[in-house]
Amino acid sequence: MWQAGLLCCITSMIAQDYIAEARRRAGEPLLPELEPYLVQSPVGVCLKHPWVFDVPHFPQLAWRCNDQYQAKREAVRQAREAKNWVLFLQLYERPYRRDALWEIRRQVSDQEYWELLGYVWTDSENIWQWGQKVRFLMGSQRPGRKHIMDELEQKALAALPDSVAIYRGLTSRGTRLGWSWTLVLDGPHGARWWSRRLLDSRDGEYPIVLKSTVAKSKIIAHFTRRSEQEIVVNPRDLNGVQELDVGQPSAVS
């Protein structure tokens, strides 16, 4: 019981120190380096810097963002100097990790490149935001591409047939012939699930499910981490893409 009392006492002291610090620095302005990253959103003004997210952002707490920025800046410098590339990427907020990888792509070994790309890809929530970078990163001819997958994923890919049926779930505003597909049509993380996941927040859109086939030799990666069955493939290597409409497929031009 005394441990619980001590924990409550320590928590109370920390809270008091935080409140005192907040009062003392309430008028501190946001650092000039952070100001360009203030954006308007449905929840109000947000700060979305590569190293600091504050959603929503309250000006009276700018000091907290300033401290975090300065600490992250130093940590990024140290990680780069030590060539601790995983930590380097993790110090960036998730939407910016692909840009961080792009920045260091020529400084890492071939195996590190593919391992880091696998980490950043499977950690990303919005692959569409990669833009043209996906073509250059995933389409790289650097040796050792198998290292984009862990050993279990490499075995899972090897076990697939020579020709693989794959599916892609998206909404009507999505990119149809993207790089991310799945082996699963129905069920959790299946194509139908992905096609409906964001509909509640996107008025006027409707779900779309695509089906295609791809030669196993053309598959870049088969990711099973995160309890998914993702297939990464260059859209140009797809064969016979069809749109599944209420269970009835029709050819997509």
C-alpha atoms as a PDB file:
ATOM      1  CA  MET A   1       0.000   0.000   0.000  1.00  0.00           C
ATOM      2  CA  TRP A   2       2.818   2.411   0.800  1.00  0.00           C
ATOM      3  CA  GLN A   3       4.079   2.086  -2.785  1.00  0.00           C
ATOM      4  CA  ALA A   4       0.735   3.329  -4.098  1.00  0.00           C
ATOM      5  CA  GLY A   5       0.844   6.278  -1.709  1.00  0.00           C
ATOM      6  CA  LEU A   6       4.386   7.138  -2.775  1.00  0.00           C
ATOM      7  CA  LEU A   7       3.379   6.961  -6.442  1.00  0.00           C
ATOM      8  CA  CYS A   8       0.456   9.320  -5.826  1.00  0.00           C
ATOM      9  CA  CYS A   9       2.761  11.730  -4.005  1.00  0.00           C
ATOM     10  CA  ILE A  10       5.301  11.720  -6.834  1.00  0.00           C
ATOM     11  CA  THR A  11       2.550  12.154  -9.432  1.00  0.00           C
ATOM     12  CA  SER A  12       1.150  15.105  -7.513  1.00  0.00           C
ATOM     13  CA  MET A  13       4.588  16.737  -7.306  1.00  0.00           C
ATOM     14  CA  ILE A  14       5.142  16.294 -11.033  1.00  0.00           C
ATOM     15  CA  ALA A  15       1.716  17.772 -11.786  1.00  0.00           C
ATOM     16  CA  GLN A  16       2.429  20.759  -9.562  1.00  0.00           C
ATOM     17  CA  ASP A  17       5.787  21.348 -11.249  1.00  0.00           C
ATOM     18  CA  TYR A  18       4.139  21.136 -14.679  1.00  0.00           C
ATOM     19  CA  ILE A  19       1.436  23.626 -13.732  1.00  0.00           C
ATOM     20  CA  ALA A  20       4.033  26.007 -12.304  1.00  0.00           C
ATOM     21  CA  GLU A  21       6.112  25.721 -15.496  1.00  0.00           C
ATOM     22  CA  ALA A  22       3.039  26.288 -17.650  1.00  0.00           C
ATOM     23  CA  ARG A  23       2.141  29.433 -15.730  1.00  0.00           C
ATOM     24  CA  ARG A  24       5.692  30.760 -15.832  1.00  0.00           C
ATOM     25  CA  ARG A  25       6.061  30.275 -19.584  1.00  0.00           C
ATOM     26  CA  ALA A  26       2.469  30.871 -20.718  1.00  0.00           C
ATOM     27  CA  GLY A  27       3.452  33.877 -22.827  1.00  0.00           C
ATOM     28  CA  GLU A  28       6.396  32.224 -24.574  1.00  0.00           C
ATOM     29  CA  PRO A  29       5.986  32.404 -28.359  1.00  0.00           C
ATOM     30  CA  LEU A  30       6.404  29.452 -30.659  1.00  0.00           C
ATOM     31  CA  LEU A  31       9.877  29.131 -32.114  1.00  0.00           C
ATOM     32  CA  PRO A  32      10.201  30.649 -35.629  1.00  0.00           C
ATOM     33  CA  GLU A  33      11.277  27.223 -36.924  1.00  0.00           C
ATOM     34  CA  LEU A  34       7.885  25.804 -35.948  1.00  0.00           C
ATOM     35  CA  GLU A  35       5.558  28.562 -37.125  1.00  0.00           C
ATOM     36  CA  PRO A  36       5.441  27.485 -40.819  1.00  0.00           C
ATOM     37  CA  TYR A  37       4.031  24.134 -39.690  1.00  0.00           C
ATOM     38  CA  LEU A  38       0.864  25.541 -38.154  1.00  0.00           C
ATOM     39  CA  VAL A  39      -2.108  24.325 -40.188  1.00  0.00           C
ATOM     40  CA  GLN A  40      -5.864  24.690 -39.969  1.00  0.00           C
ATOM     41  CA  SER A  41      -7.845  21.471 -39.475  1.00  0.00           C
ATOM     42  CA  PRO A  42     -11.370  20.419 -38.460  1.00  0.00           C
ATOM     43  CA  VAL A  43     -10.237  20.367 -34.818  1.00  0.00           C
ATOM     44  CA  GLY A  44      -8.652  23.810 -34.995  1.00  0.00           C
ATOM     45  CA  VAL A  45      -5.084  24.993 -35.498  1.00  0.00           C
ATOM     46  CA  CYS A  46      -2.562  22.132 -35.342  1.00  0.00           C
ATOM     47  CA  LEU A  47       1.215  21.981 -35.324  1.00  0.00           C
ATOM     48  CA  LYS A  48       2.603  19.356 -37.709  1.00  0.00           C
ATOM     49  CA  HIS A  49       6.370  19.657 -37.791  1.00  0.00           C
ATOM     50  CA  PRO A  50       8.436  16.586 -38.783  1.00  0.00           C
ATOM     51  CA  TRP A  51       9.598  16.264 -35.171  1.00  0.00           C
ATOM     52  CA  VAL A  52       6.689  17.784 -33.224  1.00  0.00           C
ATOM     53  CA  PHE A  53       2.950  17.213 -33.535  1.00  0.00           C
ATOM     54  CA  ASP A  54       0.512  19.168 -31.359  1.00  0.00           C
ATOM     55  CA  VAL A  55      -3.147  18.461 -32.182  1.00  0.00           C
ATOM     56  CA  PRO A  56      -4.818  20.807 -31.521  1.00  0.00           C
ATOM     57  CA  HIS A  57      -2.243  23.474 -30.768  1.00  0.00           C
ATOM     58  CA  PHE A  58      -2.792  25.885 -27.876  1.00  0.00           C
ATOM     59  CA  PRO A  59      -0.543  29.003 -27.999  1.00  0.00           C
ATOM     60  CA  GLN A  60      -0.243  29.096 -24.220  1.00  0.00           C
ATOM     61  CA  LEU A  61       1.517  25.716 -24.398  1.00  0.00           C
ATOM     62  CA  ALA A  62       3.976  26.740 -27.107  1.00  0.00           C
ATOM     63  CA  TRP A  63       6.806  26.336 -24.601  1.00  0.00           C
ATOM     64  CA  ARG A  64       6.131  22.600 -24.486  1.00  0.00           C
ATOM     65  CA  CYS A  65       6.448  22.340 -28.271  1.00  0.00           C
ATOM     66  CA  ASN A  66       9.627  24.432 -28.179  1.00  0.00           C
ATOM     67  CA  ASP A  67      11.220  22.105 -25.642  1.00  0.00           C
ATOM     68  CA  GLN A  68      10.240  19.028 -27.595  1.00  0.00           C
ATOM     69  CA  TYR A  69      11.616  20.498 -30.815  1.00  0.00           C
ATOM     70  CA  GLN A  70      14.968  21.339 -29.263  1.00  0.00           C
ATOM     71  CA  ALA A  71      15.257  17.914 -27.629  1.00  0.00           C
ATOM     72  CA  LYS A  72      14.324  16.139 -30.871  1.00  0.00           C
ATOM     73  CA  ARG A  73      16.758  18.214 -32.911  1.00  0.00           C
ATOM     74  CA  GLU A  74      19.633  17.153 -30.680  1.00  0.00           C
ATOM     75  CA  ALA A  75      18.492  13.520 -30.606  1.00  0.00           C
ATOM     76  CA  VAL A  76      18.266  13.431 -34.414  1.00  0.00           C
ATOM     77  CA  ARG A  77      21.778  14.862 -34.664  1.00  0.00           C
ATOM     78  CA  GLN A  78      23.144  12.243 -32.293  1.00  0.00           C
ATOM     79  CA  ALA A  79      21.320   9.376 -34.037  1.00  0.00           C
ATOM     80  CA  ARG A  80      22.679  10.460 -37.417  1.00  0.00           C
ATOM     81  CA  GLU A  81      26.200  10.794 -36.026  1.00  0.00           C
ATOM     82  CA  ALA A  82      25.974   7.312 -34.476  1.00  0.00           C
ATOM     83  CA  LYS A  83      24.375   5.921 -37.653  1.00  0.00           C
ATOM     84  CA  ASN A  84      21.529   4.598 -35.538  1.00  0.00           C
ATOM     85  CA  TRP A  85      19.139   4.708 -38.475  1.00  0.00           C
ATOM     86  CA  VAL A  86      16.147   3.052 -36.819  1.00  0.00           C
ATOM     87  CA  LEU A  87      16.204   5.594 -33.995  1.00  0.00           C
ATOM     88  CA  PHE A  88      16.775   8.359 -36.538  1.00  0.00           C
ATOM     89  CA  LEU A  89      13.540   7.425 -38.315  1.00  0.00           C
ATOM     90  CA  GLN A  90      11.582   6.885 -35.109  1.00  0.00           C
ATOM     91  CA  LEU A  91      12.376  10.422 -33.953  1.00  0.00           C
ATOM     92  CA  TYR A  92      10.346  11.722 -36.882  1.00  0.00           C
ATOM     93  CA  GLU A  93       6.573  11.846 -36.672  1.00  0.00           C
ATOM     94  CA  ARG A  94       5.018   8.994 -38.667  1.00  0.00           C
ATOM     95  CA  PRO A  95       3.933  10.947 -41.798  1.00  0.00           C
ATOM     96  CA  TYR A  96       7.484  12.287 -42.213  1.00  0.00           C
ATOM     97  CA  ARG A  97       9.427   9.047 -41.857  1.00  0.00           C
ATOM     98  CA  ARG A  98       9.395   8.344 -45.588  1.00  0.00           C
ATOM     99  CA  ASP A  99      11.023  11.756 -46.148  1.00  0.00           C
ATOM    100  CA  ALA A 100      13.610  10.983 -43.474  1.00  0.00           C
ATOM    101  CA  LEU A 101      14.428   7.704 -45.223  1.00  0.00           C
ATOM    102  CA  TRP A 102      14.695   9.519 -48.532  1.00  0.00           C
ATOM    103  CA  GLU A 103      17.159  11.912 -46.916  1.00  0.00           C
ATOM    104  CA  ILE A 104      19.512   9.157 -45.717  1.00  0.00           C
ATOM    105  CA  ARG A 105      19.038   6.633 -48.538  1.00  0.00           C
ATOM    106  CA  ARG A 106      22.569   7.146 -49.879  1.00  0.00           C
ATOM    107  CA  GLN A 107      24.163   6.887 -46.440  1.00  0.00           C
ATOM    108  CA  VAL A 108      22.929   3.392 -45.562  1.00  0.00           C
ATOM    109  CA  SER A 109      24.078  -0.024 -46.758  1.00  0.00           C
ATOM    110  CA  ASP A 110      21.962  -2.060 -49.192  1.00  0.00           C
ATOM    111  CA  GLN A 111      20.637  -4.354 -46.471  1.00  0.00           C
ATOM    112  CA  GLU A 112      19.921  -1.417 -44.158  1.00  0.00           C
ATOM    113  CA  TYR A 113      18.085   0.331 -46.984  1.00  0.00           C
ATOM    114  CA  TRP A 114      15.662  -2.531 -47.521  1.00  0.00           C
ATOM    115  CA  GLU A 115      15.174  -3.219 -43.813  1.00  0.00           C
ATOM    116  CA  LEU A 116      14.433   0.448 -43.130  1.00  0.00           C
ATOM    117  CA  LEU A 117      12.085   0.670 -46.109  1.00  0.00           C
ATOM    118  CA  GLY A 118      10.146  -2.349 -44.826  1.00  0.00           C
ATOM    119  CA  TYR A 119       9.877  -0.723 -41.409  1.00  0.00           C
ATOM    120  CA  VAL A 120       8.724   2.654 -42.728  1.00  0.00           C
ATOM    121  CA  TRP A 121       6.264   1.125 -45.210  1.00  0.00           C
ATOM    122  CA  THR A 122       4.521  -1.099 -42.680  1.00  0.00           C
ATOM    123  CA  ASP A 123       4.530   1.743 -40.146  1.00  0.00           C
ATOM    124  CA  SER A 124       2.795   4.134 -42.554  1.00  0.00           C
ATOM    125  CA  GLU A 125      -0.942   4.802 -42.351  1.00  0.00           C
ATOM    126  CA  ASN A 126      -1.311   6.675 -45.647  1.00  0.00           C
ATOM    127  CA  ILE A 127       0.764   5.183 -48.435  1.00  0.00           C
ATOM    128  CA  TRP A 128      -0.899   7.495 -50.976  1.00  0.00           C
ATOM    129  CA  GLN A 129       0.974  10.393 -49.372  1.00  0.00           C
ATOM    130  CA  TRP A 130       4.277   8.935 -50.580  1.00  0.00           C
ATOM    131  CA  GLY A 131       3.569  10.325 -54.049  1.00  0.00           C
ATOM    132  CA  GLN A 132       6.336   9.705 -56.583  1.00  0.00           C
ATOM    133  CA  LYS A 133       8.743   8.652 -53.827  1.00  0.00           C
ATOM    134  CA  VAL A 134       7.125   5.217 -53.718  1.00  0.00           C
ATOM    135  CA  ARG A 135       8.206   4.536 -57.296  1.00  0.00           C
ATOM    136  CA  PHE A 136      11.819   5.442 -56.561  1.00  0.00           C
ATOM    137  CA  LEU A 137      12.035   3.788 -53.140  1.00  0.00           C
ATOM    138  CA  MET A 138      10.190   0.538 -53.871  1.00  0.00           C
ATOM    139  CA  GLY A 139      11.487   0.365 -57.426  1.00  0.00           C
ATOM    140  CA  SER A 140      15.128   0.630 -56.366  1.00  0.00           C
ATOM    141  CA  GLN A 141      17.545  -1.815 -58.023  1.00  0.00           C
ATOM    142  CA  ARG A 142      19.773  -2.009 -54.962  1.00  0.00           C
ATOM    143  CA  PRO A 143      20.842  -5.582 -54.101  1.00  0.00           C
ATOM    144  CA  GLY A 144      19.331  -7.494 -51.175  1.00  0.00           C
ATOM    145  CA  ARG A 145      15.680  -6.655 -51.738  1.00  0.00           C
ATOM    146  CA  LYS A 146      14.589  -9.727 -49.778  1.00  0.00           C
ATOM    147  CA  HIS A 147      15.630  -7.896 -46.603  1.00  0.00           C
ATOM    148  CA  ILE A 148      12.578  -5.677 -46.909  1.00  0.00           C
ATOM    149  CA  MET A 149      10.841  -8.672 -45.294  1.00  0.00           C
ATOM    150  CA  ASP A 150      11.716 -10.556 -42.125  1.00  0.00           C
ATOM    151  CA  GLU A 151      12.474 -14.276 -42.295  1.00  0.00           C
ATOM    152  CA  LEU A 152       8.879 -15.377 -41.697  1.00  0.00           C
ATOM    153  CA  GLU A 153       7.651 -13.070 -44.449  1.00  0.00           C
ATOM    154  CA  GLN A 154      10.281 -14.372 -46.851  1.00  0.00           C
ATOM    155  CA  LYS A 155       9.060 -17.908 -46.178  1.00  0.00           C
ATOM    156  CA  ALA A 156       5.442 -16.839 -46.651  1.00  0.00           C
ATOM    157  CA  LEU A 157       6.301 -15.328 -50.028  1.00  0.00           C
ATOM    158  CA  ALA A 158       8.199 -18.448 -51.092  1.00  0.00           C
ATOM    159  CA  ALA A 159       5.135 -20.566 -50.260  1.00  0.00           C
ATOM    160  CA  LEU A 160       2.839 -18.657 -52.639  1.00  0.00           C
ATOM    161  CA  PRO A 161       1.965 -20.133 -56.055  1.00  0.00           C
ATOM    162  CA  ASP A 162       3.658 -18.838 -59.195  1.00  0.00           C
ATOM    163  CA  SER A 163       0.554 -16.770 -60.058  1.00  0.00           C
ATOM    164  CA  VAL A 164      -1.129 -14.968 -57.160  1.00  0.00           C
ATOM    165  CA  ALA A 165      -4.647 -13.503 -56.916  1.00  0.00           C
ATOM    166  CA  ILE A 166      -4.598 -10.178 -55.086  1.00  0.00           C
ATOM    167  CA  TYR A 167      -7.178  -7.565 -54.051  1.00  0.00           C
ATOM    168  CA  ARG A 168      -7.215  -3.862 -53.334  1.00  0.00           C
ATOM    169  CA  GLY A 169      -9.849  -2.021 -51.293  1.00  0.00           C
ATOM    170  CA  LEU A 170     -10.265   1.734 -51.673  1.00  0.00           C
ATOM    171  CA  THR A 171     -12.855   4.461 -51.776  1.00  0.00           C
ATOM    172  CA  SER A 172     -13.994   6.193 -54.954  1.00  0.00           C
ATOM    173  CA  ARG A 173     -11.395   8.949 -54.497  1.00  0.00           C
ATOM    174  CA  GLY A 174      -8.515   6.543 -53.984  1.00  0.00           C
ATOM    175  CA  THR A 175      -5.694   5.607 -56.312  1.00  0.00           C
ATOM    176  CA  ARG A 176      -6.890   2.516 -58.123  1.00  0.00           C
ATOM    177  CA  LEU A 177      -3.669   1.000 -59.341  1.00  0.00           C
ATOM    178  CA  GLY A 178      -1.577   1.538 -56.240  1.00  0.00           C
ATOM    179  CA  TRP A 179       1.326  -0.494 -54.876  1.00  0.00           C
ATOM    180  CA  SER A 180      -0.421  -1.981 -51.837  1.00  0.00           C
ATOM    181  CA  TRP A 181      -2.670  -5.040 -52.277  1.00  0.00           C
ATOM    182  CA  THR A 182      -3.774  -7.970 -50.142  1.00  0.00           C
ATOM    183  CA  LEU A 183      -4.281 -11.700 -50.477  1.00  0.00           C
ATOM    184  CA  VAL A 184      -7.540 -11.441 -48.521  1.00  0.00           C
ATOM    185  CA  LEU A 185     -10.893 -10.413 -49.988  1.00  0.00           C
ATOM    186  CA  ASP A 186     -13.073 -10.675 -46.875  1.00  0.00           C
ATOM    187  CA  GLY A 187     -12.454 -10.589 -43.137  1.00  0.00           C
ATOM    188  CA  PRO A 188     -10.356  -8.281 -40.926  1.00  0.00           C
ATOM    189  CA  HIS A 189      -7.867  -6.278 -42.990  1.00  0.00           C
ATOM    190  CA  GLY A 190      -9.289  -7.789 -46.177  1.00  0.00           C
ATOM    191  CA  ALA A 191      -9.941  -5.696 -49.277  1.00  0.00           C
ATOM    192  CA  ARG A 192     -13.636  -5.171 -48.497  1.00  0.00           C
ATOM    193  CA  TRP A 193     -12.721  -4.015 -44.980  1.00  0.00           C
ATOM    194  CA  TRP A 194     -10.194  -1.510 -46.352  1.00  0.00           C
ATOM    195  CA  SER A 195     -12.719  -0.196 -48.878  1.00  0.00           C
ATOM    196  CA  ARG A 196     -15.179   0.699 -46.093  1.00  0.00           C
ATOM    197  CA  ARG A 197     -12.802   1.735 -43.324  1.00  0.00           C
ATOM    198  CA  LEU A 198     -12.955   5.500 -43.913  1.00  0.00           C
ATOM    199  CA  LEU A 199     -16.391   5.898 -45.466  1.00  0.00           C
ATOM    200  CA  ASP A 200     -17.989   7.317 -42.323  1.00  0.00           C
ATOM    201  CA  SER A 201     -15.661  10.332 -42.512  1.00  0.00           C
ATOM    202  CA  ARG A 202     -15.828  10.829 -46.300  1.00  0.00           C
ATOM    203  CA  ASP A 203     -19.211  12.004 -47.533  1.00  0.00           C
ATOM    204  CA  GLY A 204     -20.134  11.149 -51.089  1.00  0.00           C
ATOM    205  CA  GLU A 205     -17.588   8.365 -51.508  1.00  0.00           C
ATOM    206  CA  TYR A 206     -18.320   4.709 -52.071  1.00  0.00           C
ATOM    207  CA  PRO A 207     -16.275   1.521 -51.649  1.00  0.00           C
ATOM    208  CA  ILE A 208     -14.385  -0.118 -54.502  1.00  0.00           C
ATOM    209  CA  VAL A 209     -12.705  -3.511 -54.526  1.00  0.00           C
ATOM    210  CA  LEU A 210     -10.273  -4.475 -57.278  1.00  0.00           C
ATOM    211  CA  LYS A 211      -8.978  -7.909 -58.152  1.00  0.00           C
ATOM    212  CA  SER A 212      -5.887  -8.754 -60.145  1.00  0.00           C
ATOM    213  CA  THR A 213      -3.212 -11.411 -60.548  1.00  0.00           C
ATOM    214  CA  VAL A 214       0.541 -11.026 -60.378  1.00  0.00           C
ATOM    215  CA  ALA A 215       3.459 -13.358 -60.979  1.00  0.00           C
ATOM    216  CA  LYS A 216       5.190 -14.253 -57.706  1.00  0.00           C
ATOM    217  CA  SER A 217       8.495 -13.286 -59.281  1.00  0.00           C
ATOM    218  CA  LYS A 218       7.186  -9.696 -59.613  1.00  0.00           C
ATOM    219  CA  ILE A 219       6.126  -9.322 -55.979  1.00  0.00           C
ATOM    220  CA  ILE A 220       8.354  -6.855 -54.143  1.00  0.00           C
ATOM    221  CA  ALA A 221       7.232  -7.819 -50.644  1.00  0.00           C
ATOM    222  CA  HIS A 222       4.740  -9.973 -48.774  1.00  0.00           C
ATOM    223  CA  PHE A 223       4.172  -8.357 -45.370  1.00  0.00           C
ATOM    224  CA  THR A 224       2.461 -10.430 -42.674  1.00  0.00           C
ATOM    225  CA  ARG A 225       3.345  -8.177 -39.755  1.00  0.00           C
ATOM    226  CA  ARG A 226       0.440  -6.224 -38.218  1.00  0.00           C
ATOM    227  CA  SER A 227      -1.706  -9.364 -38.796  1.00  0.00           C
ATOM    228  CA  GLU A 228      -2.113  -8.469 -42.475  1.00  0.00           C
ATOM    229  CA  GLN A 229      -1.486 -10.276 -45.762  1.00  0.00           C
ATOM    230  CA  GLU A 230      -0.151  -7.343 -47.748  1.00  0.00           C
ATOM    231  CA  ILE A 231       1.350  -7.710 -51.193  1.00  0.00           C
ATOM    232  CA  VAL A 232       3.518  -4.885 -52.544  1.00  0.00           C
ATOM    233  CA  VAL A 233       3.770  -4.803 -56.313  1.00  0.00           C
ATOM    234  CA  ASN A 234       4.546  -2.284 -59.038  1.00  0.00           C
ATOM    235  CA  PRO A 235       1.197  -1.504 -60.729  1.00  0.00           C
ATOM    236  CA  ARG A 236       2.762  -2.068 -64.146  1.00  0.00           C
ATOM    237  CA  ASP A 237       3.225  -5.758 -63.248  1.00  0.00           C
ATOM    238  CA  LEU A 238      -0.479  -6.373 -62.603  1.00  0.00           C
ATOM    239  CA  ASN A 239      -2.462  -8.642 -64.906  1.00  0.00           C
ATOM    240  CA  GLY A 240      -6.167  -8.412 -65.776  1.00  0.00           C
ATOM    241  CA  VAL A 241      -7.375  -5.865 -63.217  1.00  0.00           C
ATOM    242  CA  GLN A 242     -11.100  -6.163 -62.487  1.00  0.00           C
ATOM    243  CA  GLU A 243     -13.515  -4.215 -60.327  1.00  0.00           C
ATOM    244  CA  LEU A 244     -15.723  -6.333 -58.095  1.00  0.00           C
ATOM    245  CA  ASP A 245     -19.204  -4.859 -58.129  1.00  0.00           C
ATOM    246  CA  VAL A 246     -21.529  -6.575 -55.657  1.00  0.00           C
ATOM    247  CA  GLY A 247     -19.741  -9.812 -56.369  1.00  0.00           C
ATOM    248  CA  GLN A 248     -19.902  -9.357 -60.149  1.00  0.00           C
ATOM    249  CA  PRO A 249     -16.507  -8.537 -61.715  1.00  0.00           C
ATOM    250  CA  SER A 250     -16.231  -6.237 -64.720  1.00  0.00           C
ATOM    251  CA  ALA A 251     -13.086  -5.282 -66.616  1.00  0.00           C
ATOM    252  CA  VAL A 252     -11.399  -2.012 -65.689  1.00  0.00           C
ATOM    253  CA  SER A 253      -9.870  -0.031 -68.538  1.00  0.00           C
END
